[in-house]
Amino acid sequence: MSELASLRKLIEEAGERMVDLGDVHRWFGVHLNNEAWKVIDDEAISPDDQQRRREEALYRAYASVYH
């Protein structure tokens, strides 16, 4: 199931019943963590990269930890 499809499923369930807030945080935490690692691994972030690219990876990691 794609990320978009799983998000749609979560939204549909939220509209039909009460969704546990922990499930919402878990969903965002997992997906943000995966995205952070994708940026780090696939794009090989280094100290010489533009500040925007490094901050993007950092903020994804922060958001993942929050959720």
N, C-alpha and C. Protein backbone atom coordinates (compact mmCIF):
# COMPACT_ATOMS: atom_id res chain seq x y z
N MET A 1 0.85 -1.17 0.00
CA MET A 1 0.00 0.00 0.00
C MET A 1 0.90 1.24 0.00
N SER A 2 0.61 2.18 -0.87
CA SER A 2 1.41 3.40 -0.96
C SER A 2 1.16 4.29 0.26
N GLU A 3 2.06 5.24 0.47
CA GLU A 3 1.88 6.18 1.59
C GLU A 3 0.58 6.94 1.45
N LEU A 4 0.27 7.38 0.23
CA LEU A 4 -0.94 8.15 -0.01
C LEU A 4 -2.18 7.30 0.26
N ALA A 5 -2.14 6.05 -0.17
CA ALA A 5 -3.29 5.17 0.07
C ALA A 5 -3.47 4.92 1.56
N SER A 6 -2.37 4.73 2.28
CA SER A 6 -2.50 4.48 3.72
C SER A 6 -2.98 5.74 4.45
N LEU A 7 -2.58 6.92 3.99
CA LEU A 7 -3.07 8.16 4.59
C LEU A 7 -4.56 8.32 4.31
N ARG A 8 -4.98 8.02 3.09
CA ARG A 8 -6.41 8.09 2.76
C ARG A 8 -7.21 7.15 3.64
N LYS A 9 -6.68 5.94 3.86
CA LYS A 9 -7.37 4.97 4.72
C LYS A 9 -7.50 5.52 6.14
N LEU A 10 -6.45 6.11 6.65
CA LEU A 10 -6.48 6.70 7.99
C LEU A 10 -7.51 7.82 8.06
N ILE A 11 -7.56 8.67 7.03
CA ILE A 11 -8.52 9.77 7.01
C ILE A 11 -9.94 9.24 6.93
N GLU A 12 -10.17 8.21 6.11
CA GLU A 12 -11.51 7.62 6.01
C GLU A 12 -11.95 7.05 7.35
N GLU A 13 -11.05 6.34 8.02
CA GLU A 13 -11.39 5.77 9.32
C GLU A 13 -11.67 6.86 10.33
N ALA A 14 -10.93 7.96 10.26
CA ALA A 14 -11.16 9.07 11.19
C ALA A 14 -12.54 9.67 10.97
N GLY A 15 -13.01 9.67 9.73
CA GLY A 15 -14.33 10.20 9.43
C GLY A 15 -15.46 9.28 9.86
N GLU A 16 -15.16 7.99 9.98
CA GLU A 16 -16.19 6.99 10.32
C GLU A 16 -16.25 6.69 11.81
N ARG A 17 -15.17 6.83 12.49
CA ARG A 17 -15.13 6.49 13.91
C ARG A 17 -14.03 7.30 14.59
N MET A 18 -13.99 7.21 15.86
CA MET A 18 -12.92 7.88 16.60
C MET A 18 -11.62 7.10 16.38
N VAL A 19 -10.61 7.79 15.95
CA VAL A 19 -9.31 7.17 15.73
C VAL A 19 -8.42 7.53 16.91
N ASP A 20 -7.73 6.55 17.40
CA ASP A 20 -6.82 6.78 18.52
C ASP A 20 -5.71 7.73 18.08
N LEU A 21 -5.48 8.76 18.87
CA LEU A 21 -4.45 9.74 18.54
C LEU A 21 -3.08 9.06 18.40
N GLY A 22 -2.87 8.00 19.14
CA GLY A 22 -1.61 7.26 19.03
C GLY A 22 -1.41 6.68 17.65
N ASP A 23 -2.50 6.24 17.01
CA ASP A 23 -2.42 5.71 15.64
C ASP A 23 -2.00 6.80 14.66
N VAL A 24 -2.52 7.99 14.87
CA VAL A 24 -2.17 9.11 13.99
C VAL A 24 -0.69 9.46 14.17
N HIS A 25 -0.25 9.58 15.41
CA HIS A 25 1.17 9.88 15.67
C HIS A 25 2.06 8.78 15.12
N ARG A 26 1.67 7.54 15.30
CA ARG A 26 2.45 6.41 14.80
C ARG A 26 2.60 6.49 13.29
N TRP A 27 1.48 6.78 12.59
CA TRP A 27 1.51 6.86 11.13
C TRP A 27 2.50 7.93 10.68
N PHE A 28 2.37 9.14 11.26
CA PHE A 28 3.26 10.23 10.86
C PHE A 28 4.70 9.93 11.25
N GLY A 29 4.91 9.36 12.42
CA GLY A 29 6.27 9.04 12.87
C GLY A 29 6.97 8.08 11.93
N VAL A 30 6.27 7.03 11.53
CA VAL A 30 6.85 6.03 10.63
C VAL A 30 7.18 6.66 9.28
N HIS A 31 6.24 7.38 8.71
CA HIS A 31 6.45 7.94 7.38
C HIS A 31 7.50 9.05 7.37
N LEU A 32 7.51 9.87 8.39
CA LEU A 32 8.54 10.91 8.46
C LEU A 32 9.92 10.32 8.68
N ASN A 33 10.01 9.27 9.48
CA ASN A 33 11.28 8.58 9.69
C ASN A 33 11.80 7.99 8.39
N ASN A 34 10.90 7.33 7.65
CA ASN A 34 11.30 6.74 6.37
C ASN A 34 11.78 7.82 5.40
N GLU A 35 11.08 8.95 5.36
CA GLU A 35 11.48 10.04 4.48
C GLU A 35 12.82 10.64 4.90
N ALA A 36 13.04 10.76 6.19
CA ALA A 36 14.32 11.31 6.66
C ALA A 36 15.47 10.40 6.22
N TRP A 37 15.30 9.09 6.39
CA TRP A 37 16.36 8.17 5.99
C TRP A 37 16.55 8.14 4.48
N LYS A 38 15.46 8.31 3.74
CA LYS A 38 15.57 8.34 2.29
C LYS A 38 16.43 9.52 1.86
N VAL A 39 16.21 10.67 2.46
CA VAL A 39 17.01 11.85 2.13
C VAL A 39 18.47 11.62 2.52
N ILE A 40 18.68 11.06 3.69
CA ILE A 40 20.05 10.85 4.17
C ILE A 40 20.78 9.81 3.32
N ASP A 41 20.13 8.66 3.07
CA ASP A 41 20.79 7.58 2.34
C ASP A 41 20.85 7.82 0.83
N ASP A 42 19.71 8.10 0.23
CA ASP A 42 19.65 8.21 -1.22
C ASP A 42 20.35 9.44 -1.75
N GLU A 43 20.24 10.51 -1.03
CA GLU A 43 20.80 11.76 -1.53
C GLU A 43 22.16 12.08 -0.90
N ALA A 44 22.62 11.20 -0.03
CA ALA A 44 23.95 11.35 0.57
C ALA A 44 24.21 12.78 1.05
N ILE A 45 23.49 13.17 2.07
CA ILE A 45 23.68 14.51 2.66
C ILE A 45 25.09 14.61 3.23
N SER A 46 25.74 15.71 2.94
CA SER A 46 27.09 15.93 3.44
C SER A 46 27.20 17.36 3.96
N PRO A 47 28.24 17.66 4.72
CA PRO A 47 28.41 19.02 5.24
C PRO A 47 28.56 20.07 4.12
N ASP A 48 28.93 19.62 2.93
CA ASP A 48 29.12 20.56 1.82
C ASP A 48 27.83 20.87 1.06
N ASP A 49 26.73 20.16 1.37
CA ASP A 49 25.46 20.40 0.70
C ASP A 49 24.87 21.74 1.10
N GLN A 50 23.92 22.19 0.30
CA GLN A 50 23.23 23.43 0.62
C GLN A 50 22.56 23.30 1.98
N GLN A 51 22.49 24.40 2.68
CA GLN A 51 21.90 24.41 4.02
C GLN A 51 20.45 23.93 3.97
N ARG A 52 19.72 24.30 2.92
CA ARG A 52 18.31 23.91 2.80
C ARG A 52 18.16 22.39 2.79
N ARG A 53 19.01 21.69 2.07
CA ARG A 53 18.93 20.22 2.00
C ARG A 53 19.24 19.58 3.36
N ARG A 54 20.24 20.11 4.05
CA ARG A 54 20.58 19.56 5.36
C ARG A 54 19.47 19.82 6.36
N GLU A 55 18.88 21.03 6.31
CA GLU A 55 17.79 21.35 7.23
C GLU A 55 16.56 20.50 6.95
N GLU A 56 16.29 20.20 5.68
CA GLU A 56 15.16 19.36 5.33
C GLU A 56 15.29 17.98 6.00
N ALA A 57 16.45 17.38 5.90
CA ALA A 57 16.67 16.08 6.53
C ALA A 57 16.55 16.19 8.06
N LEU A 58 17.10 17.25 8.61
CA LEU A 58 17.06 17.44 10.05
C LEU A 58 15.63 17.63 10.56
N TYR A 59 14.84 18.46 9.88
CA TYR A 59 13.46 18.70 10.31
C TYR A 59 12.59 17.46 10.15
N ARG A 60 12.85 16.67 9.14
CA ARG A 60 12.11 15.40 9.01
C ARG A 60 12.42 14.49 10.19
N ALA A 61 13.68 14.46 10.57
CA ALA A 61 14.07 13.63 11.71
C ALA A 61 13.44 14.15 13.00
N TYR A 62 13.45 15.48 13.21
CA TYR A 62 12.82 16.06 14.39
C TYR A 62 11.32 15.72 14.44
N ALA A 63 10.66 15.89 13.30
CA ALA A 63 9.21 15.63 13.25
C ALA A 63 8.93 14.16 13.51
N SER A 64 9.77 13.28 13.02
CA SER A 64 9.60 11.85 13.27
C SER A 64 9.70 11.54 14.76
N VAL A 65 10.67 12.13 15.41
CA VAL A 65 10.85 11.91 16.85
C VAL A 65 9.65 12.46 17.63
N TYR A 66 9.14 13.61 17.20
CA TYR A 66 7.99 14.19 17.87
C TYR A 66 6.79 13.24 17.83
N HIS A 67 6.56 12.68 16.67
CA HIS A 67 5.40 11.79 16.52
C HIS A 67 5.70 10.42 17.08
